[in-house]
Amino acid sequence: MGLPKRGTAVVTETLVVATGLDLDARREFVAAVSEAVGKAAGSDGCVGLDCFRVGTLDEQTLGMLVTVARTAQWRGARITLLRASTRLRARLDNAGISHFFDWQP
């Protein structure tokens, strides 16, 4: 089974992205996303990350998103960013990683 077309993915599980997390909280978030990615890998579904709480993207959150995006890519799954602001999209574009994600309003 191939990957769903960009923008047409069915989100099978949604997790909320938060900024300002400490190291342990970031590890827990990455583990939760990795588990969800494992469930979504090889199916038509993908994991949704709700970004409504992300006002500004700090370096730690950016690194966390890079980690989950690469994990998903390695496992043949997709991450869909839900309710991402234009500022967040621009920051991911500038970091060169926006292509790892699908986007839904």
PDB file of N, CA and C in Angstrom:
ATOM      1  N   MET A   1       0.827  -1.177   0.000  1.00  0.00           N
ATOM      2  CA  MET A   1       0.000   0.000   0.000  1.00  0.00           C
ATOM      3  C   MET A   1       0.872   1.241   0.000  1.00  0.00           C
ATOM      4  N   GLY A   2       0.566   2.204  -0.859  1.00  0.00           N
ATOM      5  CA  GLY A   2       1.368   3.419  -0.909  1.00  0.00           C
ATOM      6  C   GLY A   2       0.890   4.438   0.108  1.00  0.00           C
ATOM      7  N   LEU A   3       1.631   5.507   0.173  1.00  0.00           N
ATOM      8  CA  LEU A   3       1.265   6.599   1.077  1.00  0.00           C
ATOM      9  C   LEU A   3       0.062   7.338   0.518  1.00  0.00           C
ATOM     10  N   PRO A   4      -0.776   7.870   1.382  1.00  0.00           N
ATOM     11  CA  PRO A   4      -1.900   8.663   0.896  1.00  0.00           C
ATOM     12  C   PRO A   4      -1.403   9.929   0.229  1.00  0.00           C
ATOM     13  N   LYS A   5      -2.192  10.443  -0.710  1.00  0.00           N
ATOM     14  CA  LYS A   5      -1.838  11.697  -1.355  1.00  0.00           C
ATOM     15  C   LYS A   5      -1.900  12.816  -0.341  1.00  0.00           C
ATOM     16  N   ARG A   6      -1.025  13.805  -0.525  1.00  0.00           N
ATOM     17  CA  ARG A   6      -0.989  14.937   0.389  1.00  0.00           C
ATOM     18  C   ARG A   6      -2.357  15.597   0.458  1.00  0.00           C
ATOM     19  N   GLY A   7      -2.788  15.839   1.696  1.00  0.00           N
ATOM     20  CA  GLY A   7      -4.051  16.514   1.901  1.00  0.00           C
ATOM     21  C   GLY A   7      -5.265  15.605   1.876  1.00  0.00           C
ATOM     22  N   THR A   8      -5.096  14.317   1.564  1.00  0.00           N
ATOM     23  CA  THR A   8      -6.232  13.417   1.495  1.00  0.00           C
ATOM     24  C   THR A   8      -6.159  12.319   2.546  1.00  0.00           C
ATOM     25  N   ALA A   9      -5.235  12.415   3.457  1.00  0.00           N
ATOM     26  CA  ALA A   9      -5.039  11.362   4.448  1.00  0.00           C
ATOM     27  C   ALA A   9      -6.169  11.351   5.472  1.00  0.00           C
ATOM     28  N   VAL A  10      -6.492  10.161   5.916  1.00  0.00           N
ATOM     29  CA  VAL A  10      -7.446   9.987   6.994  1.00  0.00           C
ATOM     30  C   VAL A  10      -6.645   9.917   8.294  1.00  0.00           C
ATOM     31  N   VAL A  11      -6.890  10.851   9.176  1.00  0.00           N
ATOM     32  CA  VAL A  11      -6.149  10.885  10.432  1.00  0.00           C
ATOM     33  C   VAL A  11      -6.723   9.828  11.358  1.00  0.00           C
ATOM     34  N   THR A  12      -5.878   8.885  11.774  1.00  0.00           N
ATOM     35  CA  THR A  12      -6.343   7.785  12.604  1.00  0.00           C
ATOM     36  C   THR A  12      -6.174   8.051  14.091  1.00  0.00           C
ATOM     37  N   GLU A  13      -5.265   8.920  14.453  1.00  0.00           N
ATOM     38  CA  GLU A  13      -5.045   9.271  15.851  1.00  0.00           C
ATOM     39  C   GLU A  13      -4.524  10.696  15.904  1.00  0.00           C
ATOM     40  N   THR A  14      -4.974  11.466  16.883  1.00  0.00           N
ATOM     41  CA  THR A  14      -4.551  12.856  17.005  1.00  0.00           C
ATOM     42  C   THR A  14      -3.925  13.104  18.370  1.00  0.00           C
ATOM     43  N   LEU A  15      -2.766  13.736  18.351  1.00  0.00           N
ATOM     44  CA  LEU A  15      -2.063  14.141  19.560  1.00  0.00           C
ATOM     45  C   LEU A  15      -1.881  15.652  19.506  1.00  0.00           C
ATOM     46  N   VAL A  16      -1.808  16.291  20.658  1.00  0.00           N
ATOM     47  CA  VAL A  16      -1.679  17.749  20.721  1.00  0.00           C
ATOM     48  C   VAL A  16      -0.222  18.120  20.945  1.00  0.00           C
ATOM     49  N   VAL A  17       0.285  19.024  20.107  1.00  0.00           N
ATOM     50  CA  VAL A  17       1.652  19.526  20.237  1.00  0.00           C
ATOM     51  C   VAL A  17       1.635  20.710  21.194  1.00  0.00           C
ATOM     52  N   ALA A  18       2.569  20.720  22.125  1.00  0.00           N
ATOM     53  CA  ALA A  18       2.700  21.842  23.058  1.00  0.00           C
ATOM     54  C   ALA A  18       4.145  22.319  23.048  1.00  0.00           C
ATOM     55  N   THR A  19       4.344  23.599  23.254  1.00  0.00           N
ATOM     56  CA  THR A  19       5.688  24.144  23.355  1.00  0.00           C
ATOM     57  C   THR A  19       6.093  24.248  24.819  1.00  0.00           C
ATOM     58  N   GLY A  20       7.368  24.451  25.046  1.00  0.00           N
ATOM     59  CA  GLY A  20       7.860  24.657  26.398  1.00  0.00           C
ATOM     60  C   GLY A  20       7.911  23.400  27.243  1.00  0.00           C
ATOM     61  N   LEU A  21       7.929  22.239  26.618  1.00  0.00           N
ATOM     62  CA  LEU A  21       7.978  20.984  27.362  1.00  0.00           C
ATOM     63  C   LEU A  21       9.389  20.733  27.883  1.00  0.00           C
ATOM     64  N   ASP A  22       9.479  20.129  29.051  1.00  0.00           N
ATOM     65  CA  ASP A  22      10.793  19.744  29.550  1.00  0.00           C
ATOM     66  C   ASP A  22      11.241  18.464  28.839  1.00  0.00           C
ATOM     67  N   LEU A  23      12.461  18.048  29.098  1.00  0.00           N
ATOM     68  CA  LEU A  23      13.039  16.900  28.403  1.00  0.00           C
ATOM     69  C   LEU A  23      12.203  15.647  28.569  1.00  0.00           C
ATOM     70  N   ASP A  24      11.746  15.357  29.771  1.00  0.00           N
ATOM     71  CA  ASP A  24      10.946  14.155  30.001  1.00  0.00           C
ATOM     72  C   ASP A  24       9.619  14.209  29.247  1.00  0.00           C
ATOM     73  N   ALA A  25       8.984  15.366  29.245  1.00  0.00           N
ATOM     74  CA  ALA A  25       7.712  15.517  28.537  1.00  0.00           C
ATOM     75  C   ALA A  25       7.903  15.361  27.031  1.00  0.00           C
ATOM     76  N   ARG A  26       9.005  15.895  26.494  1.00  0.00           N
ATOM     77  CA  ARG A  26       9.294  15.721  25.065  1.00  0.00           C
ATOM     78  C   ARG A  26       9.512  14.248  24.738  1.00  0.00           C
ATOM     79  N   ARG A  27      10.241  13.540  25.587  1.00  0.00           N
ATOM     80  CA  ARG A  27      10.463  12.101  25.372  1.00  0.00           C
ATOM     81  C   ARG A  27       9.142  11.337  25.384  1.00  0.00           C
ATOM     82  N   GLU A  28       8.264  11.674  26.325  1.00  0.00           N
ATOM     83  CA  GLU A  28       6.960  11.021  26.398  1.00  0.00           C
ATOM     84  C   GLU A  28       6.144  11.305  25.137  1.00  0.00           C
ATOM     85  N   PHE A  29       6.197  12.549  24.657  1.00  0.00           N
ATOM     86  CA  PHE A  29       5.458  12.903  23.451  1.00  0.00           C
ATOM     87  C   PHE A  29       5.993  12.132  22.245  1.00  0.00           C
ATOM     88  N   VAL A  30       7.310  12.099  22.094  1.00  0.00           N
ATOM     89  CA  VAL A  30       7.913  11.376  20.971  1.00  0.00           C
ATOM     90  C   VAL A  30       7.550   9.894  21.048  1.00  0.00           C
ATOM     91  N   ALA A  31       7.556   9.313  22.239  1.00  0.00           N
ATOM     92  CA  ALA A  31       7.176   7.907  22.401  1.00  0.00           C
ATOM     93  C   ALA A  31       5.722   7.685  22.016  1.00  0.00           C
ATOM     94  N   ALA A  32       4.832   8.597  22.412  1.00  0.00           N
ATOM     95  CA  ALA A  32       3.415   8.471  22.061  1.00  0.00           C
ATOM     96  C   ALA A  32       3.207   8.575  20.554  1.00  0.00           C
ATOM     97  N   VAL A  33       3.910   9.514  19.916  1.00  0.00           N
ATOM     98  CA  VAL A  33       3.802   9.654  18.463  1.00  0.00           C
ATOM     99  C   VAL A  33       4.381   8.419  17.777  1.00  0.00           C
ATOM    100  N   SER A  34       5.507   7.923  18.257  1.00  0.00           N
ATOM    101  CA  SER A  34       6.117   6.728  17.669  1.00  0.00           C
ATOM    102  C   SER A  34       5.175   5.531  17.740  1.00  0.00           C
ATOM    103  N   GLU A  35       4.485   5.394  18.860  1.00  0.00           N
ATOM    104  CA  GLU A  35       3.518   4.303  18.998  1.00  0.00           C
ATOM    105  C   GLU A  35       2.372   4.469  18.004  1.00  0.00           C
ATOM    106  N   ALA A  36       1.857   5.692  17.875  1.00  0.00           N
ATOM    107  CA  ALA A  36       0.776   5.964  16.925  1.00  0.00           C
ATOM    108  C   ALA A  36       1.239   5.750  15.494  1.00  0.00           C
ATOM    109  N   VAL A  37       2.476   6.141  15.193  1.00  0.00           N
ATOM    110  CA  VAL A  37       3.039   5.938  13.858  1.00  0.00           C
ATOM    111  C   VAL A  37       3.133   4.442  13.562  1.00  0.00           C
ATOM    112  N   GLY A  38       3.540   3.661  14.552  1.00  0.00           N
ATOM    113  CA  GLY A  38       3.617   2.214  14.372  1.00  0.00           C
ATOM    114  C   GLY A  38       2.267   1.620  13.997  1.00  0.00           C
ATOM    115  N   LYS A  39       1.202   2.131  14.583  1.00  0.00           N
ATOM    116  CA  LYS A  39      -0.151   1.661  14.265  1.00  0.00           C
ATOM    117  C   LYS A  39      -0.573   2.097  12.865  1.00  0.00           C
ATOM    118  N   ALA A  40      -0.150   3.296  12.465  1.00  0.00           N
ATOM    119  CA  ALA A  40      -0.564   3.847  11.172  1.00  0.00           C
ATOM    120  C   ALA A  40       0.287   3.359  10.012  1.00  0.00           C
ATOM    121  N   ALA A  41       1.499   2.887  10.303  1.00  0.00           N
ATOM    122  CA  ALA A  41       2.421   2.466   9.232  1.00  0.00           C
ATOM    123  C   ALA A  41       1.791   1.356   8.404  1.00  0.00           C
ATOM    124  N   GLY A  42       1.894   1.511   7.094  1.00  0.00           N
ATOM    125  CA  GLY A  42       1.387   0.506   6.178  1.00  0.00           C
ATOM    126  C   GLY A  42      -0.109   0.563   5.949  1.00  0.00           C
ATOM    127  N   SER A  43      -0.783   1.554   6.505  1.00  0.00           N
ATOM    128  CA  SER A  43      -2.220   1.704   6.273  1.00  0.00           C
ATOM    129  C   SER A  43      -2.458   3.019   5.536  1.00  0.00           C
ATOM    130  N   ASP A  44      -3.712   3.295   5.248  1.00  0.00           N
ATOM    131  CA  ASP A  44      -4.036   4.565   4.600  1.00  0.00           C
ATOM    132  C   ASP A  44      -4.187   5.696   5.606  1.00  0.00           C
ATOM    133  N   GLY A  45      -4.055   5.403   6.886  1.00  0.00           N
ATOM    134  CA  GLY A  45      -4.197   6.416   7.914  1.00  0.00           C
ATOM    135  C   GLY A  45      -2.879   7.098   8.210  1.00  0.00           C
ATOM    136  N   CYS A  46      -2.950   8.139   8.979  1.00  0.00           N
ATOM    137  CA  CYS A  46      -1.746   8.831   9.416  1.00  0.00           C
ATOM    138  C   CYS A  46      -2.006   9.413  10.795  1.00  0.00           C
ATOM    139  N   VAL A  47      -0.981   9.918  11.387  1.00  0.00           N
ATOM    140  CA  VAL A  47      -1.070  10.488  12.725  1.00  0.00           C
ATOM    141  C   VAL A  47      -1.230  11.991  12.610  1.00  0.00           C
ATOM    142  N   GLY A  48      -2.206  12.531  13.310  1.00  0.00           N
ATOM    143  CA  GLY A  48      -2.430  13.967  13.315  1.00  0.00           C
ATOM    144  C   GLY A  48      -1.821  14.605  14.547  1.00  0.00           C
ATOM    145  N   LEU A  49      -1.153  15.715  14.343  1.00  0.00           N
ATOM    146  CA  LEU A  49      -0.618  16.503  15.445  1.00  0.00           C
ATOM    147  C   LEU A  49      -1.345  17.838  15.439  1.00  0.00           C
ATOM    148  N   ASP A  50      -2.158  18.056  16.461  1.00  0.00           N
ATOM    149  CA  ASP A  50      -2.929  19.285  16.556  1.00  0.00           C
ATOM    150  C   ASP A  50      -2.020  20.392  17.087  1.00  0.00           C
ATOM    151  N   CYS A  51      -1.842  21.432  16.313  1.00  0.00           N
ATOM    152  CA  CYS A  51      -0.876  22.488  16.623  1.00  0.00           C
ATOM    153  C   CYS A  51      -1.534  23.769  17.133  1.00  0.00           C
ATOM    154  N   PHE A  52      -2.776  23.699  17.569  1.00  0.00           N
ATOM    155  CA  PHE A  52      -3.478  24.913  17.976  1.00  0.00           C
ATOM    156  C   PHE A  52      -2.829  25.600  19.165  1.00  0.00           C
ATOM    157  N   ARG A  53      -2.061  24.885  19.977  1.00  0.00           N
ATOM    158  CA  ARG A  53      -1.401  25.483  21.139  1.00  0.00           C
ATOM    159  C   ARG A  53      -0.028  26.075  20.813  1.00  0.00           C
ATOM    160  N   VAL A  54       0.441  25.889  19.605  1.00  0.00           N
ATOM    161  CA  VAL A  54       1.788  26.351  19.249  1.00  0.00           C
ATOM    162  C   VAL A  54       1.698  27.783  18.742  1.00  0.00           C
ATOM    163  N   GLY A  55       2.122  28.715  19.596  1.00  0.00           N
ATOM    164  CA  GLY A  55       2.154  30.119  19.197  1.00  0.00           C
ATOM    165  C   GLY A  55       3.462  30.425  18.487  1.00  0.00           C
ATOM    166  N   THR A  56       4.550  30.228  19.176  1.00  0.00           N
ATOM    167  CA  THR A  56       5.877  30.354  18.585  1.00  0.00           C
ATOM    168  C   THR A  56       6.566  29.002  18.729  1.00  0.00           C
ATOM    169  N   LEU A  57       7.374  28.697  17.770  1.00  0.00           N
ATOM    170  CA  LEU A  57       8.026  27.387  17.732  1.00  0.00           C
ATOM    171  C   LEU A  57       9.430  27.508  18.305  1.00  0.00           C
ATOM    172  N   ASP A  58       9.625  26.968  19.508  1.00  0.00           N
ATOM    173  CA  ASP A  58      10.954  27.005  20.111  1.00  0.00           C
ATOM    174  C   ASP A  58      11.828  25.889  19.521  1.00  0.00           C
ATOM    175  N   GLU A  59      13.116  25.972  19.763  1.00  0.00           N
ATOM    176  CA  GLU A  59      14.063  25.009  19.187  1.00  0.00           C
ATOM    177  C   GLU A  59      13.787  23.575  19.644  1.00  0.00           C
ATOM    178  N   GLN A  60      13.376  23.407  20.895  1.00  0.00           N
ATOM    179  CA  GLN A  60      13.115  22.076  21.415  1.00  0.00           C
ATOM    180  C   GLN A  60      11.905  21.438  20.725  1.00  0.00           C
ATOM    181  N   THR A  61      10.867  22.228  20.500  1.00  0.00           N
ATOM    182  CA  THR A  61       9.681  21.708  19.818  1.00  0.00           C
ATOM    183  C   THR A  61       9.990  21.426  18.358  1.00  0.00           C
ATOM    184  N   LEU A  62      10.773  22.295  17.737  1.00  0.00           N
ATOM    185  CA  LEU A  62      11.198  22.059  16.362  1.00  0.00           C
ATOM    186  C   LEU A  62      11.958  20.738  16.269  1.00  0.00           C
ATOM    187  N   GLY A  63      12.884  20.516  17.181  1.00  0.00           N
ATOM    188  CA  GLY A  63      13.636  19.256  17.192  1.00  0.00           C
ATOM    189  C   GLY A  63      12.729  18.053  17.397  1.00  0.00           C
ATOM    190  N   MET A  64      11.732  18.201  18.249  1.00  0.00           N
ATOM    191  CA  MET A  64      10.776  17.129  18.498  1.00  0.00           C
ATOM    192  C   MET A  64       9.992  16.806  17.222  1.00  0.00           C
ATOM    193  N   LEU A  65       9.577  17.846  16.493  1.00  0.00           N
ATOM    194  CA  LEU A  65       8.847  17.619  15.245  1.00  0.00           C
ATOM    195  C   LEU A  65       9.729  16.962  14.191  1.00  0.00           C
ATOM    196  N   VAL A  66      10.989  17.345  14.139  1.00  0.00           N
ATOM    197  CA  VAL A  66      11.920  16.695  13.213  1.00  0.00           C
ATOM    198  C   VAL A  66      12.034  15.208  13.548  1.00  0.00           C
ATOM    199  N   THR A  67      12.165  14.899  14.824  1.00  0.00           N
ATOM    200  CA  THR A  67      12.291  13.512  15.255  1.00  0.00           C
ATOM    201  C   THR A  67      11.071  12.689  14.854  1.00  0.00           C
ATOM    202  N   VAL A  68       9.873  13.201  15.126  1.00  0.00           N
ATOM    203  CA  VAL A  68       8.680  12.415  14.801  1.00  0.00           C
ATOM    204  C   VAL A  68       8.466  12.320  13.294  1.00  0.00           C
ATOM    205  N   ALA A  69       8.827  13.370  12.560  1.00  0.00           N
ATOM    206  CA  ALA A  69       8.693  13.331  11.103  1.00  0.00           C
ATOM    207  C   ALA A  69       9.612  12.279  10.498  1.00  0.00           C
ATOM    208  N   ARG A  70      10.839  12.223  10.968  1.00  0.00           N
ATOM    209  CA  ARG A  70      11.777  11.228  10.444  1.00  0.00           C
ATOM    210  C   ARG A  70      11.378   9.814  10.850  1.00  0.00           C
ATOM    211  N   THR A  71      10.877   9.661  12.072  1.00  0.00           N
ATOM    212  CA  THR A  71      10.391   8.354  12.512  1.00  0.00           C
ATOM    213  C   THR A  71       9.260   7.878  11.609  1.00  0.00           C
ATOM    214  N   ALA A  72       8.326   8.768  11.331  1.00  0.00           N
ATOM    215  CA  ALA A  72       7.207   8.419  10.450  1.00  0.00           C
ATOM    216  C   ALA A  72       7.703   8.058   9.062  1.00  0.00           C
ATOM    217  N   GLN A  73       8.622   8.846   8.541  1.00  0.00           N
ATOM    218  CA  GLN A  73       9.144   8.589   7.204  1.00  0.00           C
ATOM    219  C   GLN A  73       9.825   7.226   7.144  1.00  0.00           C
ATOM    220  N   TRP A  74      10.634   6.908   8.131  1.00  0.00           N
ATOM    221  CA  TRP A  74      11.334   5.621   8.163  1.00  0.00           C
ATOM    222  C   TRP A  74      10.371   4.440   8.222  1.00  0.00           C
ATOM    223  N   ARG A  75       9.225   4.669   8.866  1.00  0.00           N
ATOM    224  CA  ARG A  75       8.257   3.585   9.031  1.00  0.00           C
ATOM    225  C   ARG A  75       7.189   3.579   7.943  1.00  0.00           C
ATOM    226  N   GLY A  76       7.282   4.478   6.988  1.00  0.00           N
ATOM    227  CA  GLY A  76       6.327   4.509   5.887  1.00  0.00           C
ATOM    228  C   GLY A  76       4.977   5.102   6.263  1.00  0.00           C
ATOM    229  N   ALA A  77       4.956   5.996   7.223  1.00  0.00           N
ATOM    230  CA  ALA A  77       3.716   6.650   7.649  1.00  0.00           C
ATOM    231  C   ALA A  77       3.841   8.152   7.404  1.00  0.00           C
ATOM    232  N   ARG A  78       2.751   8.856   7.627  1.00  0.00           N
ATOM    233  CA  ARG A  78       2.742  10.306   7.452  1.00  0.00           C
ATOM    234  C   ARG A  78       2.256  10.969   8.725  1.00  0.00           C
ATOM    235  N   ILE A  79       2.712  12.187   8.926  1.00  0.00           N
ATOM    236  CA  ILE A  79       2.255  13.045  10.013  1.00  0.00           C
ATOM    237  C   ILE A  79       1.469  14.183   9.375  1.00  0.00           C
ATOM    238  N   THR A  80       0.270  14.419   9.874  1.00  0.00           N
ATOM    239  CA  THR A  80      -0.544  15.540   9.411  1.00  0.00           C
ATOM    240  C   THR A  80      -0.611  16.583  10.515  1.00  0.00           C
ATOM    241  N   LEU A  81      -0.234  17.802  10.197  1.00  0.00           N
ATOM    242  CA  LEU A  81      -0.321  18.901  11.153  1.00  0.00           C
ATOM    243  C   LEU A  81      -1.688  19.554  10.996  1.00  0.00           C
ATOM    244  N   LEU A  82      -2.426  19.576  12.085  1.00  0.00           N
ATOM    245  CA  LEU A  82      -3.775  20.124  12.104  1.00  0.00           C
ATOM    246  C   LEU A  82      -3.752  21.504  12.757  1.00  0.00           C
ATOM    247  N   ARG A  83      -4.495  22.424  12.208  1.00  0.00           N
ATOM    248  CA  ARG A  83      -4.640  23.785  12.755  1.00  0.00           C
ATOM    249  C   ARG A  83      -3.297  24.476  12.974  1.00  0.00           C
ATOM    250  N   ALA A  84      -2.371  24.268  12.058  1.00  0.00           N
ATOM    251  CA  ALA A  84      -1.055  24.918  12.144  1.00  0.00           C
ATOM    252  C   ALA A  84      -1.164  26.350  11.633  1.00  0.00           C
ATOM    253  N   SER A  85      -0.603  27.268  12.381  1.00  0.00           N
ATOM    254  CA  SER A  85      -0.638  28.680  11.990  1.00  0.00           C
ATOM    255  C   SER A  85       0.290  28.920  10.800  1.00  0.00           C
ATOM    256  N   THR A  86       0.079  30.049  10.137  1.00  0.00           N
ATOM    257  CA  THR A  86       0.965  30.402   9.022  1.00  0.00           C
ATOM    258  C   THR A  86       2.389  30.639   9.529  1.00  0.00           C
ATOM    259  N   ARG A  87       2.513  31.137  10.761  1.00  0.00           N
ATOM    260  CA  ARG A  87       3.834  31.344  11.359  1.00  0.00           C
ATOM    261  C   ARG A  87       4.559  30.006  11.561  1.00  0.00           C
ATOM    262  N   LEU A  88       3.822  29.009  12.036  1.00  0.00           N
ATOM    263  CA  LEU A  88       4.405  27.683  12.216  1.00  0.00           C
ATOM    264  C   LEU A  88       4.820  27.089  10.878  1.00  0.00           C
ATOM    265  N   ARG A  89       3.970  27.221   9.882  1.00  0.00           N
ATOM    266  CA  ARG A  89       4.305  26.702   8.557  1.00  0.00           C
ATOM    267  C   ARG A  89       5.560  27.378   8.005  1.00  0.00           C
ATOM    268  N   ALA A  90       5.650  28.697   8.188  1.00  0.00           N
ATOM    269  CA  ALA A  90       6.823  29.427   7.710  1.00  0.00           C
ATOM    270  C   ALA A  90       8.083  28.960   8.426  1.00  0.00           C
ATOM    271  N   ARG A  91       7.979  28.741   9.716  1.00  0.00           N
ATOM    272  CA  ARG A  91       9.145  28.271  10.501  1.00  0.00           C
ATOM    273  C   ARG A  91       9.602  26.900  10.031  1.00  0.00           C
ATOM    274  N   LEU A  92       8.654  26.006   9.745  1.00  0.00           N
ATOM    275  CA  LEU A  92       9.010  24.678   9.241  1.00  0.00           C
ATOM    276  C   LEU A  92       9.573  24.765   7.825  1.00  0.00           C
ATOM    277  N   ASP A  93       9.052  25.685   7.015  1.00  0.00           N
ATOM    278  CA  ASP A  93       9.616  25.923   5.679  1.00  0.00           C
ATOM    279  C   ASP A  93      11.066  26.390   5.801  1.00  0.00           C
ATOM    280  N   ASN A  94      11.308  27.358   6.686  1.00  0.00           N
ATOM    281  CA  ASN A  94      12.656  27.897   6.879  1.00  0.00           C
ATOM    282  C   ASN A  94      13.623  26.833   7.393  1.00  0.00           C
ATOM    283  N   ALA A  95      13.108  25.910   8.189  1.00  0.00           N
ATOM    284  CA  ALA A  95      13.943  24.828   8.721  1.00  0.00           C
ATOM    285  C   ALA A  95      14.150  23.719   7.692  1.00  0.00           C
ATOM    286  N   GLY A  96      13.426  23.792   6.586  1.00  0.00           N
ATOM    287  CA  GLY A  96      13.584  22.796   5.523  1.00  0.00           C
ATOM    288  C   GLY A  96      12.919  21.461   5.811  1.00  0.00           C
ATOM    289  N   ILE A  97      11.897  21.457   6.694  1.00  0.00           N
ATOM    290  CA  ILE A  97      11.264  20.183   7.022  1.00  0.00           C
ATOM    291  C   ILE A  97       9.765  20.152   6.743  1.00  0.00           C
ATOM    292  N   SER A  98       9.204  21.202   6.183  1.00  0.00           N
ATOM    293  CA  SER A  98       7.753  21.230   5.976  1.00  0.00           C
ATOM    294  C   SER A  98       7.285  20.131   5.026  1.00  0.00           C
ATOM    295  N   HIS A  99       8.160  19.670   4.149  1.00  0.00           N
ATOM    296  CA  HIS A  99       7.787  18.614   3.200  1.00  0.00           C
ATOM    297  C   HIS A  99       7.539  17.265   3.878  1.00  0.00           C
ATOM    298  N   PHE A 100       7.966  17.109   5.125  1.00  0.00           N
ATOM    299  CA  PHE A 100       7.722  15.872   5.861  1.00  0.00           C
ATOM    300  C   PHE A 100       6.261  15.730   6.291  1.00  0.00           C
ATOM    301  N   PHE A 101       5.511  16.825   6.246  1.00  0.00           N
ATOM    302  CA  PHE A 101       4.176  16.854   6.834  1.00  0.00           C
ATOM    303  C   PHE A 101       3.100  17.074   5.792  1.00  0.00           C
ATOM    304  N   ASP A 102       1.904  16.553   6.103  1.00  0.00           N
ATOM    305  CA  ASP A 102       0.685  16.923   5.402  1.00  0.00           C
ATOM    306  C   ASP A 102       0.042  18.007   6.276  1.00  0.00           C
ATOM    307  N   TRP A 103      -0.863  18.773   5.676  1.00  0.00           N
ATOM    308  CA  TRP A 103      -1.460  19.909   6.390  1.00  0.00           C
ATOM    309  C   TRP A 103      -2.963  19.873   6.260  1.00  0.00           C
ATOM    310  N   GLN A 104      -3.643  20.097   7.376  1.00  0.00           N
ATOM    311  CA  GLN A 104      -5.102  20.242   7.363  1.00  0.00           C
ATOM    312  C   GLN A 104      -5.464  21.414   8.252  1.00  0.00           C
ATOM    313  N   PRO A 105      -6.432  22.223   7.800  1.00  0.00           N
ATOM    314  CA  PRO A 105      -6.854  23.377   8.605  1.00  0.00           C
ATOM    315  C   PRO A 105      -7.488  22.969   9.916  1.00  0.00           C
TER     316      PRO A 105
END
